Amino acid sequence: MGCWTHARRKFVEAQNVQPKCKTGRADIALNLINKLYGIERELKDGSDEDRKLARQARSQPLLAQLKIWTEKIQPQVTAQNALVKLSAIWPATGVSRNGTSSKVTCPSKTAPSSV
């Protein structure tokens, strides 16, 4: 199973090499991923069933949006681009799984607190 911490790290790496003062692809992805982390922070004290239902209602649409976006930009990135590394950690049963499971959580120590 993929890990959102690793996926997020790849986008942070990509963000670090994009031109300053310019919103790039990494910023778009990080915005969506940070929203997922925010949902997880809100759900951390809920029961397994509550987390599962909330993930289906709130996280699943964000995951679908992120997956469609990555599929759209994939042909546009070069092999040297840091974003290309995401394809290796985006299997359909990998990082997207936390949208339906009640057991998988984002590690709170790595969740950005500024969201």
N, C-alpha and C. Protein backbone atom coordinates (compact mmCIF):
# COMPACT_ATOMS: atom_id res chain seq x y z
N MET A 1 0.84 -1.18 0.00
CA MET A 1 0.00 0.00 0.00
C MET A 1 0.88 1.24 0.00
N GLY A 2 0.49 2.21 -0.78
CA GLY A 2 1.21 3.46 -0.82
C GLY A 2 0.97 4.28 0.43
N CYS A 3 1.79 5.27 0.63
CA CYS A 3 1.71 6.10 1.82
C CYS A 3 1.61 7.56 1.40
N TRP A 4 0.66 8.29 1.96
CA TRP A 4 0.50 9.69 1.62
C TRP A 4 1.70 10.52 2.02
N THR A 5 2.40 10.12 3.05
CA THR A 5 3.60 10.86 3.45
C THR A 5 4.62 10.83 2.32
N HIS A 6 4.81 9.67 1.70
CA HIS A 6 5.76 9.55 0.60
C HIS A 6 5.27 10.27 -0.64
N ALA A 7 4.00 10.16 -0.93
CA ALA A 7 3.44 10.85 -2.10
C ALA A 7 3.58 12.36 -1.92
N ARG A 8 3.25 12.84 -0.74
CA ARG A 8 3.35 14.27 -0.45
C ARG A 8 4.80 14.75 -0.57
N ARG A 9 5.72 13.94 -0.08
CA ARG A 9 7.14 14.30 -0.15
C ARG A 9 7.59 14.53 -1.59
N LYS A 10 7.12 13.71 -2.52
CA LYS A 10 7.49 13.87 -3.93
C LYS A 10 7.01 15.22 -4.47
N PHE A 11 5.82 15.62 -4.07
CA PHE A 11 5.32 16.91 -4.51
C PHE A 11 6.06 18.07 -3.85
N VAL A 12 6.47 17.91 -2.60
CA VAL A 12 7.28 18.93 -1.94
C VAL A 12 8.61 19.07 -2.69
N GLU A 13 9.21 17.93 -3.08
CA GLU A 13 10.44 17.97 -3.86
C GLU A 13 10.22 18.71 -5.19
N ALA A 14 9.11 18.44 -5.83
CA ALA A 14 8.81 19.10 -7.09
C ALA A 14 8.58 20.60 -6.86
N GLN A 15 7.93 20.93 -5.78
CA GLN A 15 7.67 22.34 -5.46
C GLN A 15 8.99 23.09 -5.24
N ASN A 16 9.96 22.42 -4.64
CA ASN A 16 11.24 23.05 -4.36
C ASN A 16 12.03 23.38 -5.62
N VAL A 17 11.76 22.71 -6.73
CA VAL A 17 12.50 22.98 -7.96
C VAL A 17 11.72 23.82 -8.97
N GLN A 18 10.47 24.14 -8.65
CA GLN A 18 9.71 24.98 -9.57
C GLN A 18 10.10 26.45 -9.36
N PRO A 19 9.90 27.27 -10.38
CA PRO A 19 10.25 28.69 -10.25
C PRO A 19 9.52 29.34 -9.07
N LYS A 20 10.24 30.18 -8.35
CA LYS A 20 9.66 30.89 -7.20
C LYS A 20 8.59 31.87 -7.70
N CYS A 21 7.65 32.16 -6.84
CA CYS A 21 6.55 33.11 -7.14
C CYS A 21 5.67 32.62 -8.29
N LYS A 22 5.65 31.33 -8.54
CA LYS A 22 4.81 30.77 -9.59
C LYS A 22 4.06 29.58 -9.02
N THR A 23 2.76 29.55 -9.22
CA THR A 23 1.96 28.40 -8.81
C THR A 23 2.15 27.31 -9.86
N GLY A 24 2.61 26.16 -9.40
CA GLY A 24 2.87 25.06 -10.31
C GLY A 24 2.03 23.85 -10.00
N ARG A 25 2.30 22.79 -10.71
CA ARG A 25 1.57 21.54 -10.52
C ARG A 25 1.71 21.01 -9.10
N ALA A 26 2.90 21.14 -8.55
CA ALA A 26 3.11 20.63 -7.20
C ALA A 26 2.22 21.36 -6.19
N ASP A 27 2.02 22.65 -6.39
CA ASP A 27 1.16 23.42 -5.49
C ASP A 27 -0.28 22.91 -5.54
N ILE A 28 -0.73 22.58 -6.72
CA ILE A 28 -2.09 22.07 -6.89
C ILE A 28 -2.25 20.75 -6.15
N ALA A 29 -1.30 19.85 -6.36
CA ALA A 29 -1.37 18.54 -5.70
C ALA A 29 -1.26 18.69 -4.18
N LEU A 30 -0.34 19.51 -3.72
CA LEU A 30 -0.17 19.69 -2.27
C LEU A 30 -1.41 20.28 -1.64
N ASN A 31 -2.09 21.15 -2.34
CA ASN A 31 -3.34 21.71 -1.83
C ASN A 31 -4.37 20.60 -1.59
N LEU A 32 -4.52 19.71 -2.56
CA LEU A 32 -5.47 18.61 -2.41
C LEU A 32 -5.04 17.63 -1.31
N ILE A 33 -3.75 17.31 -1.28
CA ILE A 33 -3.25 16.39 -0.26
C ILE A 33 -3.40 17.00 1.14
N ASN A 34 -3.14 18.29 1.26
CA ASN A 34 -3.30 18.95 2.56
C ASN A 34 -4.75 18.95 3.02
N LYS A 35 -5.68 19.03 2.07
CA LYS A 35 -7.10 18.91 2.43
C LYS A 35 -7.39 17.52 2.99
N LEU A 36 -6.78 16.49 2.40
CA LEU A 36 -6.95 15.12 2.92
C LEU A 36 -6.39 15.02 4.34
N TYR A 37 -5.22 15.60 4.57
CA TYR A 37 -4.63 15.59 5.90
C TYR A 37 -5.55 16.32 6.89
N GLY A 38 -6.17 17.41 6.45
CA GLY A 38 -7.09 18.14 7.31
C GLY A 38 -8.29 17.29 7.72
N ILE A 39 -8.82 16.56 6.77
CA ILE A 39 -9.93 15.66 7.06
C ILE A 39 -9.50 14.62 8.08
N GLU A 40 -8.31 14.05 7.89
CA GLU A 40 -7.81 13.04 8.82
C GLU A 40 -7.64 13.60 10.23
N ARG A 41 -7.16 14.83 10.33
CA ARG A 41 -7.02 15.45 11.66
C ARG A 41 -8.37 15.57 12.33
N GLU A 42 -9.38 15.95 11.56
CA GLU A 42 -10.72 16.09 12.12
C GLU A 42 -11.30 14.74 12.56
N LEU A 43 -10.91 13.66 11.90
CA LEU A 43 -11.47 12.34 12.16
C LEU A 43 -10.69 11.52 13.17
N LYS A 44 -9.56 12.03 13.64
CA LYS A 44 -8.65 11.20 14.44
C LYS A 44 -9.29 10.61 15.70
N ASP A 45 -10.26 11.27 16.27
CA ASP A 45 -10.89 10.77 17.50
C ASP A 45 -12.19 10.01 17.24
N GLY A 46 -12.57 9.89 15.98
CA GLY A 46 -13.82 9.20 15.65
C GLY A 46 -13.66 7.69 15.66
N SER A 47 -14.79 7.02 15.69
CA SER A 47 -14.77 5.56 15.64
C SER A 47 -14.37 5.11 14.24
N ASP A 48 -14.04 3.84 14.10
CA ASP A 48 -13.68 3.30 12.80
C ASP A 48 -14.81 3.53 11.79
N GLU A 49 -16.02 3.29 12.23
CA GLU A 49 -17.16 3.44 11.32
C GLU A 49 -17.36 4.91 10.94
N ASP A 50 -17.23 5.82 11.88
CA ASP A 50 -17.36 7.24 11.58
C ASP A 50 -16.29 7.69 10.59
N ARG A 51 -15.05 7.21 10.79
CA ARG A 51 -13.97 7.57 9.87
C ARG A 51 -14.26 7.02 8.47
N LYS A 52 -14.72 5.80 8.41
CA LYS A 52 -15.01 5.18 7.12
C LYS A 52 -16.08 5.98 6.37
N LEU A 53 -17.16 6.32 7.06
CA LEU A 53 -18.25 7.06 6.42
C LEU A 53 -17.80 8.46 5.99
N ALA A 54 -17.05 9.12 6.85
CA ALA A 54 -16.56 10.46 6.51
C ALA A 54 -15.59 10.42 5.35
N ARG A 55 -14.74 9.40 5.32
CA ARG A 55 -13.80 9.28 4.20
C ARG A 55 -14.54 9.05 2.89
N GLN A 56 -15.58 8.23 2.94
CA GLN A 56 -16.36 7.99 1.72
C GLN A 56 -17.02 9.28 1.25
N ALA A 57 -17.51 10.08 2.18
CA ALA A 57 -18.21 11.30 1.82
C ALA A 57 -17.28 12.45 1.49
N ARG A 58 -16.17 12.59 2.21
CA ARG A 58 -15.32 13.77 2.07
C ARG A 58 -14.00 13.51 1.35
N SER A 59 -13.35 12.40 1.66
CA SER A 59 -12.04 12.14 1.07
C SER A 59 -12.15 11.56 -0.34
N GLN A 60 -13.11 10.71 -0.57
CA GLN A 60 -13.24 10.05 -1.87
C GLN A 60 -13.32 11.05 -3.02
N PRO A 61 -14.10 12.14 -2.91
CA PRO A 61 -14.13 13.11 -4.02
C PRO A 61 -12.77 13.78 -4.25
N LEU A 62 -12.05 14.07 -3.19
CA LEU A 62 -10.72 14.66 -3.33
C LEU A 62 -9.75 13.68 -3.97
N LEU A 63 -9.83 12.42 -3.57
CA LEU A 63 -8.97 11.40 -4.16
C LEU A 63 -9.26 11.22 -5.64
N ALA A 64 -10.53 11.24 -5.99
CA ALA A 64 -10.91 11.12 -7.41
C ALA A 64 -10.38 12.31 -8.20
N GLN A 65 -10.50 13.50 -7.63
CA GLN A 65 -10.00 14.70 -8.28
C GLN A 65 -8.48 14.63 -8.47
N LEU A 66 -7.78 14.18 -7.45
CA LEU A 66 -6.32 14.08 -7.52
C LEU A 66 -5.89 13.03 -8.54
N LYS A 67 -6.59 11.91 -8.58
CA LYS A 67 -6.25 10.86 -9.53
C LYS A 67 -6.47 11.32 -10.97
N ILE A 68 -7.59 11.97 -11.23
CA ILE A 68 -7.87 12.49 -12.58
C ILE A 68 -6.82 13.51 -12.97
N TRP A 69 -6.46 14.38 -12.03
CA TRP A 69 -5.46 15.40 -12.30
C TRP A 69 -4.10 14.78 -12.62
N THR A 70 -3.68 13.77 -11.84
CA THR A 70 -2.38 13.15 -12.10
C THR A 70 -2.38 12.42 -13.45
N GLU A 71 -3.49 11.80 -13.80
CA GLU A 71 -3.58 11.13 -15.10
C GLU A 71 -3.51 12.15 -16.24
N LYS A 72 -4.09 13.33 -16.01
CA LYS A 72 -4.09 14.38 -17.03
C LYS A 72 -2.69 14.96 -17.24
N ILE A 73 -1.95 15.18 -16.14
CA ILE A 73 -0.64 15.81 -16.29
C ILE A 73 0.48 14.82 -16.60
N GLN A 74 0.24 13.54 -16.38
CA GLN A 74 1.29 12.54 -16.56
C GLN A 74 1.97 12.63 -17.93
N PRO A 75 1.23 12.75 -19.04
CA PRO A 75 1.91 12.84 -20.34
C PRO A 75 2.71 14.13 -20.52
N GLN A 76 2.44 15.13 -19.69
CA GLN A 76 3.10 16.43 -19.84
C GLN A 76 4.41 16.54 -19.07
N VAL A 77 4.70 15.59 -18.19
CA VAL A 77 5.92 15.70 -17.39
C VAL A 77 7.02 14.84 -17.99
N THR A 78 8.25 15.32 -17.86
CA THR A 78 9.39 14.59 -18.41
C THR A 78 9.93 13.61 -17.39
N ALA A 79 10.76 12.70 -17.83
CA ALA A 79 11.34 11.70 -16.94
C ALA A 79 12.20 12.34 -15.85
N GLN A 80 12.73 13.52 -16.11
CA GLN A 80 13.56 14.20 -15.12
C GLN A 80 12.73 14.97 -14.11
N ASN A 81 11.45 15.13 -14.35
CA ASN A 81 10.58 15.91 -13.49
C ASN A 81 10.28 15.14 -12.21
N ALA A 82 10.31 15.84 -11.08
CA ALA A 82 10.04 15.20 -9.79
C ALA A 82 8.62 14.64 -9.71
N LEU A 83 7.69 15.19 -10.48
CA LEU A 83 6.31 14.71 -10.44
C LEU A 83 6.17 13.31 -11.03
N VAL A 84 7.09 12.94 -11.93
CA VAL A 84 7.00 11.64 -12.58
C VAL A 84 7.11 10.51 -11.55
N LYS A 85 7.79 10.75 -10.46
CA LYS A 85 7.97 9.72 -9.44
C LYS A 85 6.66 9.33 -8.78
N LEU A 86 5.66 10.20 -8.84
CA LEU A 86 4.38 9.87 -8.24
C LEU A 86 3.74 8.66 -8.89
N SER A 87 3.92 8.48 -10.18
CA SER A 87 3.28 7.37 -10.87
C SER A 87 3.66 6.02 -10.28
N ALA A 88 4.84 5.94 -9.70
CA ALA A 88 5.27 4.68 -9.09
C ALA A 88 4.56 4.41 -7.78
N ILE A 89 3.99 5.43 -7.17
CA ILE A 89 3.34 5.23 -5.87
C ILE A 89 1.85 5.53 -5.93
N TRP A 90 1.26 5.52 -7.11
CA TRP A 90 -0.16 5.80 -7.25
C TRP A 90 -0.94 4.61 -7.82
N PRO A 91 -0.73 3.40 -7.34
CA PRO A 91 -1.56 2.30 -7.83
C PRO A 91 -3.00 2.49 -7.35
N ALA A 92 -3.93 1.96 -8.10
CA ALA A 92 -5.34 2.13 -7.75
C ALA A 92 -5.65 1.61 -6.36
N THR A 93 -4.91 0.61 -5.89
CA THR A 93 -5.16 0.07 -4.56
C THR A 93 -4.18 0.62 -3.53
N GLY A 94 -3.42 1.61 -3.92
CA GLY A 94 -2.38 2.14 -3.04
C GLY A 94 -2.83 3.34 -2.27
N VAL A 95 -2.23 4.49 -2.55
CA VAL A 95 -2.47 5.67 -1.73
C VAL A 95 -3.92 6.11 -1.74
N SER A 96 -4.68 5.74 -2.74
CA SER A 96 -6.08 6.18 -2.77
C SER A 96 -6.96 5.38 -1.81
N ARG A 97 -6.46 4.31 -1.25
CA ARG A 97 -7.29 3.43 -0.44
C ARG A 97 -7.85 4.09 0.81
N ASN A 98 -7.17 5.07 1.36
CA ASN A 98 -7.67 5.63 2.61
C ASN A 98 -9.01 6.34 2.43
N GLY A 99 -9.47 6.48 1.22
CA GLY A 99 -10.78 7.07 1.01
C GLY A 99 -11.93 6.16 1.38
N THR A 100 -11.66 4.87 1.53
CA THR A 100 -12.73 3.94 1.85
C THR A 100 -12.47 3.13 3.09
N SER A 101 -11.25 3.06 3.54
CA SER A 101 -10.93 2.25 4.71
C SER A 101 -11.11 3.05 5.98
N SER A 102 -11.45 2.37 7.05
CA SER A 102 -11.53 3.05 8.34
C SER A 102 -10.25 2.87 9.12
N LYS A 103 -9.35 2.02 8.65
CA LYS A 103 -8.15 1.67 9.40
C LYS A 103 -6.92 2.46 8.99
N VAL A 104 -6.88 2.95 7.76
CA VAL A 104 -5.69 3.63 7.25
C VAL A 104 -5.77 5.10 7.61
N THR A 105 -4.73 5.62 8.23
CA THR A 105 -4.73 7.03 8.59
C THR A 105 -3.44 7.69 8.13
N CYS A 106 -3.50 8.99 7.98
CA CYS A 106 -2.29 9.77 7.70
C CYS A 106 -1.57 9.94 9.02
N PRO A 107 -0.27 9.74 9.04
CA PRO A 107 0.44 9.91 10.30
C PRO A 107 0.35 11.36 10.76
N SER A 108 -0.12 11.57 11.98
CA SER A 108 -0.35 12.94 12.46
C SER A 108 0.95 13.70 12.62
N LYS A 109 2.06 13.02 12.90
CA LYS A 109 3.30 13.75 13.08
C LYS A 109 3.82 14.35 11.78
N THR A 110 3.33 13.83 10.64
CA THR A 110 3.78 14.38 9.36
C THR A 110 2.69 15.21 8.70
N ALA A 111 1.51 15.24 9.30
CA ALA A 111 0.43 16.01 8.70
C ALA A 111 0.72 17.49 8.88
N PRO A 112 0.64 18.24 7.78
CA PRO A 112 0.89 19.67 7.90
C PRO A 112 -0.14 20.32 8.81
N SER A 113 0.30 21.10 9.74
CA SER A 113 -0.62 21.72 10.69
C SER A 113 -1.15 23.04 10.18
N SER A 114 -0.67 23.51 9.06
CA SER A 114 -1.09 24.81 8.56
C SER A 114 -2.33 24.75 7.70
N VAL A 115 -2.91 23.58 7.52
CA VAL A 115 -4.07 23.43 6.65
C VAL A 115 -5.30 23.94 7.35
